[in-house]
Each structure stands twice: as structure tokens, then as C-alpha cells.
Amino acid sequence: MPAAGAVDVRGPVPWVLGLPAALALLFLLGPLLGLVLRAPWSQAGALLTSGGALQALRLSLVTASASTVVALLLGVPLAWLLARPGLRGAPLLRALVTVPLVLPPVVGGVALFTVLGRSGLVGRPLHALTGFAFPFTPYAVVLAQVFVALPYLVLAVEGALRGADRRYEEAAATLGARPVTVFRRVTLPLVGPGIAAGAVLAWARALGEFGATITFAGSFPGTTRTMPLEVYLALETDSGAALLLSVLLLAVSVVVLALLRDRWTARW
């Protein structure tokens, strides 16, 4: 029941809002439904159990999970820093963090080459000292995924930190807790749902990464060829296979996102 004096806004949806909302849903869900309807399901058994598809799916799941862990280790402290009141240069730092969101992924891959490539700013001395180079290895896949997924986690966690009640942190500090203890025992549990939501977004973005991966890591079967690259290559030779692989990737993404959100982000 509405409180006394409150206005009940429930009622018929105005067509000026309902029509665009329906078109937005149709635009988002229509292509996904088209994938399911047009996929050649008679070939599904043979294709989805083939070595190439399973290798690509396994590599995508492993690298996306690894990149999410790296994003959590790096992104949560960065989000905490950006959310601190009175931080000088916070707007500029926030703008720089969000650059990968609008940067073409291929450009991101080129940028990674300039720093971590064999002749890059960091890659050259690393290769001279150890003989190791990041490009065209599974590590390059993870780095490319971290580059594009990290901003999603940082923005989600920063939003959660800004919306959290800082009185709990202040009370813990007043009682003598050290800053690291306050962060570990108070801040992290307080924004846990926000961290989980950011991790889900980062994982989903990493799973679907294509441009930076193919530029920085290449497309080598069993080594750097993730599921999006497998779909792209299949599209050039067998559109039916590309449809089925796309449906598989879609199904994995939807199932994992649904499970994670139901378990960790229901209160966020």
C-alpha cells in the first residue's frame, strides 16, 4: 500500500515510453533469436564436439577466468583510489581508465605491442634478459582481455564504493584499525556485491574479446585461438558452423552470467 500522501505511479505504460522500450528489446533480442532459429542443429553434434571447437571453448573459459582474476587484483585497489574523497586529478584518472571502453579493440592490440611486444618499451628489455616475449602466446590472450575488461570492473566497483556508507570505515579507523585492516575487514565485505557484479561484467567482456586478441596474440589453434576467433574463421568457410559456434558461446555466456548474478549480485 502506498504511504499516506504518496502518489501511486503504477498504471498503464504510456505508449511514448512503451514503444521505444519494446523496440529496444526487439533490437537486442531479435539477432540472438535469429542465431538460435537459423543454426543448422542437425550438424550440432559433430561440430560442437570437434577438437577445434572444444579447444577454442576451453581456451576462452580459462583465459577469461584468468584475466578476471588479474582484473580483480588490479582493479579493486584502483577503484578504491578513484573513489577516495578529495583525490587530486581523479576526473582525469577516471577518464584515462575509461579510454579502453571507447578505443577500437584492434588499436588496443597495437598499443599492447608498443609496450609489451618484442621491440616494445617493456618487451625489448624483457626479451633481452629472459628470451621471453608475450605476443602470440596464451599470456598475450590474457593481457588483451585484461586491457579491455578492466575498466568494466573498475567502474562497477568505484560506483559501489561511492554508494557505500563510509561511517563503518570511519568507526573502524576510530577504534584503531589500520587502513589495510579497514579495507580488508570492512570495505571489501561492504561492497562485495558490487565487486561480484564488476567481475561478472569483466568476465563476459573478456570471453567475447576479439580485436585486441587477434592483433596481439594471433590465432594459433590450441594456443591463442579463442572462441570468437574460431567463430570468425568458421564464418569465412562455413556459415552454418559459425552459427552453431556462436550459439554455443551465447549459451555459455548466458548460463554463467545468470548463475553468477543469482548467487552474488542479487542484492546489488
Protein backbone atom coordinates (compact mmCIF):
# COMPACT_ATOMS: atom_id res chain seq x y z
CA MET A 1 0.00 0.00 0.00
CA PRO A 2 1.34 3.49 -0.81
CA ALA A 3 2.15 5.67 2.18
CA ALA A 4 -0.25 8.43 3.16
CA GLY A 5 0.12 11.35 0.78
CA ALA A 6 2.23 9.37 -1.68
CA VAL A 7 1.36 9.26 -5.35
CA ASP A 8 0.93 5.82 -6.88
CA VAL A 9 2.76 5.94 -10.22
CA ARG A 10 1.78 2.42 -11.21
CA GLY A 11 -0.58 2.15 -14.13
CA PRO A 12 -0.65 1.73 -17.91
CA VAL A 13 2.68 2.37 -19.61
CA PRO A 14 2.48 5.45 -21.85
CA TRP A 15 2.94 4.47 -25.48
CA VAL A 16 5.59 7.16 -25.92
CA LEU A 17 7.76 5.17 -23.48
CA GLY A 18 6.47 1.65 -24.09
CA LEU A 19 7.03 1.69 -27.85
CA PRO A 20 10.73 2.65 -27.72
CA ALA A 21 11.23 0.16 -24.89
CA ALA A 22 9.66 -2.61 -26.96
CA LEU A 23 11.77 -1.67 -29.98
CA ALA A 24 14.91 -1.72 -27.82
CA LEU A 25 14.07 -5.22 -26.56
CA LEU A 26 13.35 -6.36 -30.11
CA PHE A 27 16.62 -4.90 -31.35
CA LEU A 28 18.62 -6.63 -28.59
CA LEU A 29 16.86 -9.99 -28.54
CA GLY A 30 15.97 -10.32 -32.24
CA PRO A 31 19.50 -11.10 -33.50
CA LEU A 32 20.03 -13.59 -30.66
CA LEU A 33 16.78 -15.34 -31.53
CA GLY A 34 17.88 -15.35 -35.17
CA LEU A 35 21.05 -17.21 -34.21
CA VAL A 36 19.05 -19.92 -32.49
CA LEU A 37 16.50 -20.27 -35.29
CA ARG A 38 18.94 -20.26 -38.22
CA ALA A 39 21.58 -22.55 -36.72
CA PRO A 40 21.83 -25.95 -38.52
CA TRP A 41 21.05 -28.10 -35.49
CA SER A 42 21.43 -31.35 -37.47
CA GLN A 43 25.18 -30.70 -37.58
CA ALA A 44 25.46 -29.66 -33.94
CA GLY A 45 26.66 -32.98 -32.53
CA ALA A 46 29.61 -33.36 -34.88
CA LEU A 47 30.66 -29.72 -34.89
CA LEU A 48 30.35 -28.89 -31.21
CA THR A 49 32.33 -31.97 -30.18
CA SER A 50 35.09 -31.38 -32.73
CA GLY A 51 38.59 -30.80 -31.48
CA GLY A 52 38.82 -27.23 -32.74
CA ALA A 53 35.61 -26.07 -31.10
CA LEU A 54 36.39 -27.70 -27.76
CA GLN A 55 39.94 -26.34 -27.78
CA ALA A 56 38.70 -22.83 -28.50
CA LEU A 57 35.99 -23.03 -25.85
CA ARG A 58 38.38 -24.38 -23.24
CA LEU A 59 40.94 -21.68 -24.00
CA SER A 60 38.29 -18.96 -23.84
CA LEU A 61 36.99 -20.13 -20.47
CA VAL A 62 40.48 -20.47 -18.97
CA THR A 63 41.81 -17.15 -20.25
CA ALA A 64 38.63 -15.23 -19.40
CA SER A 65 38.75 -16.58 -15.84
CA ALA A 66 42.46 -15.79 -15.52
CA SER A 67 42.00 -12.28 -16.85
CA THR A 68 39.13 -11.70 -14.41
CA VAL A 69 41.38 -12.69 -11.50
CA VAL A 70 44.05 -10.27 -12.72
CA ALA A 71 41.42 -7.56 -13.17
CA LEU A 72 40.22 -8.10 -9.61
CA LEU A 73 43.73 -7.89 -8.17
CA LEU A 74 44.49 -4.68 -10.05
CA GLY A 75 41.06 -3.12 -10.45
CA VAL A 76 39.70 -3.18 -6.90
CA PRO A 77 42.62 -1.13 -5.49
CA LEU A 78 42.36 1.26 -8.45
CA ALA A 79 38.62 1.69 -7.89
CA TRP A 80 39.26 2.33 -4.19
CA LEU A 81 41.80 5.01 -5.12
CA LEU A 82 39.42 6.72 -7.57
CA ALA A 83 36.60 6.67 -5.01
CA ARG A 84 38.65 8.40 -2.29
CA PRO A 85 37.20 11.83 -1.46
CA GLY A 86 39.43 14.73 -2.39
CA LEU A 87 41.76 12.78 -4.66
CA ARG A 88 43.56 15.24 -6.92
CA GLY A 89 43.26 14.51 -10.60
CA ALA A 90 40.50 11.93 -10.05
CA PRO A 91 38.42 13.10 -13.07
CA LEU A 92 41.45 12.83 -15.37
CA LEU A 93 42.40 9.41 -13.99
CA ARG A 94 38.81 8.21 -14.39
CA ALA A 95 38.75 9.43 -17.98
CA LEU A 96 42.01 7.60 -18.74
CA VAL A 97 40.68 4.39 -17.17
CA THR A 98 37.61 4.50 -19.40
CA VAL A 99 39.57 5.01 -22.63
CA PRO A 100 39.64 1.25 -23.45
CA LEU A 101 35.82 1.30 -23.39
CA VAL A 102 35.72 3.57 -26.45
CA LEU A 103 39.02 2.60 -28.05
CA PRO A 104 38.72 0.24 -31.04
CA PRO A 105 39.95 -3.16 -29.78
CA VAL A 106 42.39 -3.51 -32.68
CA VAL A 107 44.01 -0.24 -31.61
CA GLY A 108 44.27 -1.70 -28.12
CA GLY A 109 46.16 -4.65 -29.53
CA VAL A 110 48.54 -2.35 -31.38
CA ALA A 111 49.04 -0.34 -28.19
CA LEU A 112 49.92 -3.52 -26.29
CA PHE A 113 52.50 -4.29 -28.98
CA THR A 114 54.18 -0.92 -28.47
CA VAL A 115 54.74 -1.70 -24.79
CA LEU A 116 54.91 -5.48 -24.47
CA GLY A 117 55.95 -6.55 -27.97
CA ARG A 118 59.42 -7.95 -28.63
CA SER A 119 60.59 -4.45 -29.60
CA GLY A 120 58.29 -2.62 -27.19
CA LEU A 121 59.16 -0.33 -24.32
CA VAL A 122 58.97 -3.15 -21.78
CA GLY A 123 59.08 -6.11 -24.12
CA ARG A 124 62.52 -5.33 -25.56
CA PRO A 125 64.46 -5.39 -22.25
CA LEU A 126 62.33 -8.34 -21.07
CA HIS A 127 63.23 -10.33 -24.17
CA ALA A 128 66.89 -9.33 -23.92
CA LEU A 129 67.09 -10.53 -20.31
CA THR A 130 64.94 -13.67 -20.44
CA GLY A 131 64.38 -14.51 -24.10
CA PHE A 132 60.63 -14.42 -23.45
CA ALA A 133 58.13 -12.42 -25.48
CA PHE A 134 54.42 -12.01 -24.73
CA PRO A 135 52.94 -11.75 -28.26
CA PHE A 136 51.38 -14.85 -29.82
CA THR A 137 51.26 -16.76 -26.53
CA PRO A 138 48.35 -17.57 -24.17
CA TYR A 139 49.72 -14.84 -21.90
CA ALA A 140 49.05 -12.35 -24.67
CA VAL A 141 45.42 -13.51 -24.79
CA VAL A 142 45.06 -12.84 -21.06
CA LEU A 143 46.74 -9.44 -21.32
CA ALA A 144 44.49 -8.40 -24.21
CA GLN A 145 41.43 -9.48 -22.25
CA VAL A 146 42.56 -7.64 -19.12
CA PHE A 147 43.12 -4.47 -21.15
CA VAL A 148 39.54 -4.39 -22.45
CA ALA A 149 37.78 -5.83 -19.37
CA LEU A 150 39.50 -3.96 -16.53
CA PRO A 151 37.54 -0.68 -16.98
CA TYR A 152 34.22 -2.51 -16.55
CA LEU A 153 35.31 -3.83 -13.17
CA VAL A 154 36.84 -0.54 -12.03
CA LEU A 155 33.72 1.48 -12.85
CA ALA A 156 31.40 -1.05 -11.18
CA VAL A 157 33.47 -1.24 -8.00
CA GLU A 158 34.00 2.53 -7.86
CA GLY A 159 30.24 3.05 -8.09
CA ALA A 160 29.72 0.59 -5.24
CA LEU A 161 32.36 2.32 -3.13
CA ARG A 162 30.83 5.73 -3.71
CA GLY A 163 27.41 4.43 -2.71
CA ALA A 164 28.67 2.67 0.43
CA ASP A 165 28.17 4.12 3.90
CA ARG A 166 31.62 5.34 4.95
CA ARG A 167 30.61 5.63 8.59
CA TYR A 168 31.57 1.97 9.09
CA GLU A 169 35.08 2.66 7.82
CA GLU A 170 35.35 5.76 9.98
CA ALA A 171 34.20 3.83 13.04
CA ALA A 172 36.78 1.10 12.43
CA ALA A 173 39.53 3.69 11.97
CA THR A 174 38.46 5.44 15.17
CA LEU A 175 38.79 2.16 17.04
CA GLY A 176 42.42 1.92 15.90
CA ALA A 177 42.20 -0.35 12.87
CA ARG A 178 44.94 0.17 10.30
CA PRO A 179 43.94 1.29 6.78
CA VAL A 180 44.70 -2.14 5.28
CA THR A 181 42.64 -3.82 8.02
CA VAL A 182 39.75 -1.42 7.40
CA PHE A 183 39.92 -2.18 3.69
CA ARG A 184 40.04 -5.95 4.21
CA ARG A 185 37.58 -6.33 7.09
CA VAL A 186 35.11 -3.51 6.42
CA THR A 187 35.32 -2.09 2.89
CA LEU A 188 35.53 -5.34 0.92
CA PRO A 189 32.53 -7.00 2.64
CA LEU A 190 30.59 -3.76 2.33
CA VAL A 191 30.99 -3.57 -1.46
CA GLY A 192 31.17 -7.32 -2.10
CA PRO A 193 28.07 -7.42 -4.34
CA GLY A 194 29.49 -4.56 -6.42
CA ILE A 195 32.80 -6.36 -6.80
CA ALA A 196 30.97 -9.51 -7.88
CA ALA A 197 28.94 -7.56 -10.43
CA GLY A 198 32.09 -5.96 -11.81
CA ALA A 199 33.79 -9.35 -12.02
CA VAL A 200 30.83 -10.74 -13.97
CA LEU A 201 30.98 -7.85 -16.43
CA ALA A 202 34.75 -8.22 -16.80
CA TRP A 203 34.47 -11.97 -17.36
CA ALA A 204 31.79 -11.55 -20.00
CA ARG A 205 33.78 -8.86 -21.80
CA ALA A 206 36.93 -10.99 -21.70
CA LEU A 207 35.07 -14.02 -23.05
CA GLY A 208 33.92 -12.07 -26.09
CA GLU A 209 37.16 -10.20 -26.80
CA PHE A 210 38.28 -10.39 -30.44
CA GLY A 211 40.10 -7.37 -31.85
CA ALA A 212 42.91 -6.92 -29.35
CA THR A 213 43.37 -10.69 -29.12
CA ILE A 214 43.83 -11.34 -32.82
CA THR A 215 46.18 -8.34 -33.10
CA PHE A 216 48.37 -9.02 -30.07
CA ALA A 217 48.05 -12.81 -29.68
CA GLY A 218 47.27 -14.05 -33.18
CA SER A 219 45.15 -17.08 -33.96
CA PHE A 220 47.00 -20.34 -33.34
CA PRO A 221 44.89 -23.46 -32.71
CA GLY A 222 45.08 -24.64 -29.12
CA THR A 223 47.32 -21.72 -28.12
CA THR A 224 45.70 -18.37 -28.82
CA ARG A 225 42.60 -19.16 -30.90
CA THR A 226 39.73 -18.31 -28.58
CA MET A 227 36.07 -18.94 -29.33
CA PRO A 228 35.41 -15.55 -31.00
CA LEU A 229 38.36 -16.17 -33.34
CA GLU A 230 37.06 -19.66 -34.09
CA VAL A 231 33.67 -18.17 -34.98
CA TYR A 232 35.29 -15.60 -37.27
CA LEU A 233 37.35 -18.21 -39.12
CA ALA A 234 34.35 -20.51 -39.45
CA LEU A 235 32.31 -17.67 -40.93
CA GLU A 236 34.75 -17.42 -43.83
CA THR A 237 34.33 -21.08 -44.84
CA ASP A 238 31.16 -22.48 -43.24
CA SER A 239 28.40 -20.12 -42.15
CA GLY A 240 26.46 -22.97 -40.51
CA ALA A 241 29.40 -23.82 -38.31
CA ALA A 242 29.79 -20.16 -37.40
CA LEU A 243 26.13 -20.02 -36.35
CA LEU A 244 26.45 -23.09 -34.16
CA LEU A 245 29.64 -21.89 -32.53
CA SER A 246 28.00 -18.52 -31.91
CA VAL A 247 25.06 -20.22 -30.24
CA LEU A 248 27.45 -22.22 -28.07
CA LEU A 249 29.29 -19.08 -26.99
CA LEU A 250 25.98 -17.34 -26.37
CA ALA A 251 24.73 -20.24 -24.25
CA VAL A 252 27.88 -20.35 -22.13
CA SER A 253 27.75 -16.59 -21.55
CA VAL A 254 24.07 -16.57 -20.60
CA VAL A 255 24.31 -19.56 -18.27
CA VAL A 256 27.38 -18.31 -16.42
CA LEU A 257 26.08 -14.76 -16.13
CA ALA A 258 22.73 -15.98 -14.82
CA LEU A 259 24.34 -18.25 -12.25
CA LEU A 260 26.77 -15.61 -11.04
CA ARG A 261 24.19 -12.86 -10.80
CA ASP A 262 21.70 -15.06 -8.94
CA ARG A 263 24.33 -16.13 -6.45
CA TRP A 264 26.39 -12.99 -5.83
CA THR A 265 24.65 -9.90 -7.15
CA ALA A 266 21.03 -10.37 -6.17
CA ARG A 267 21.35 -7.66 -3.52
CA TRP A 268 23.29 -5.20 -5.65
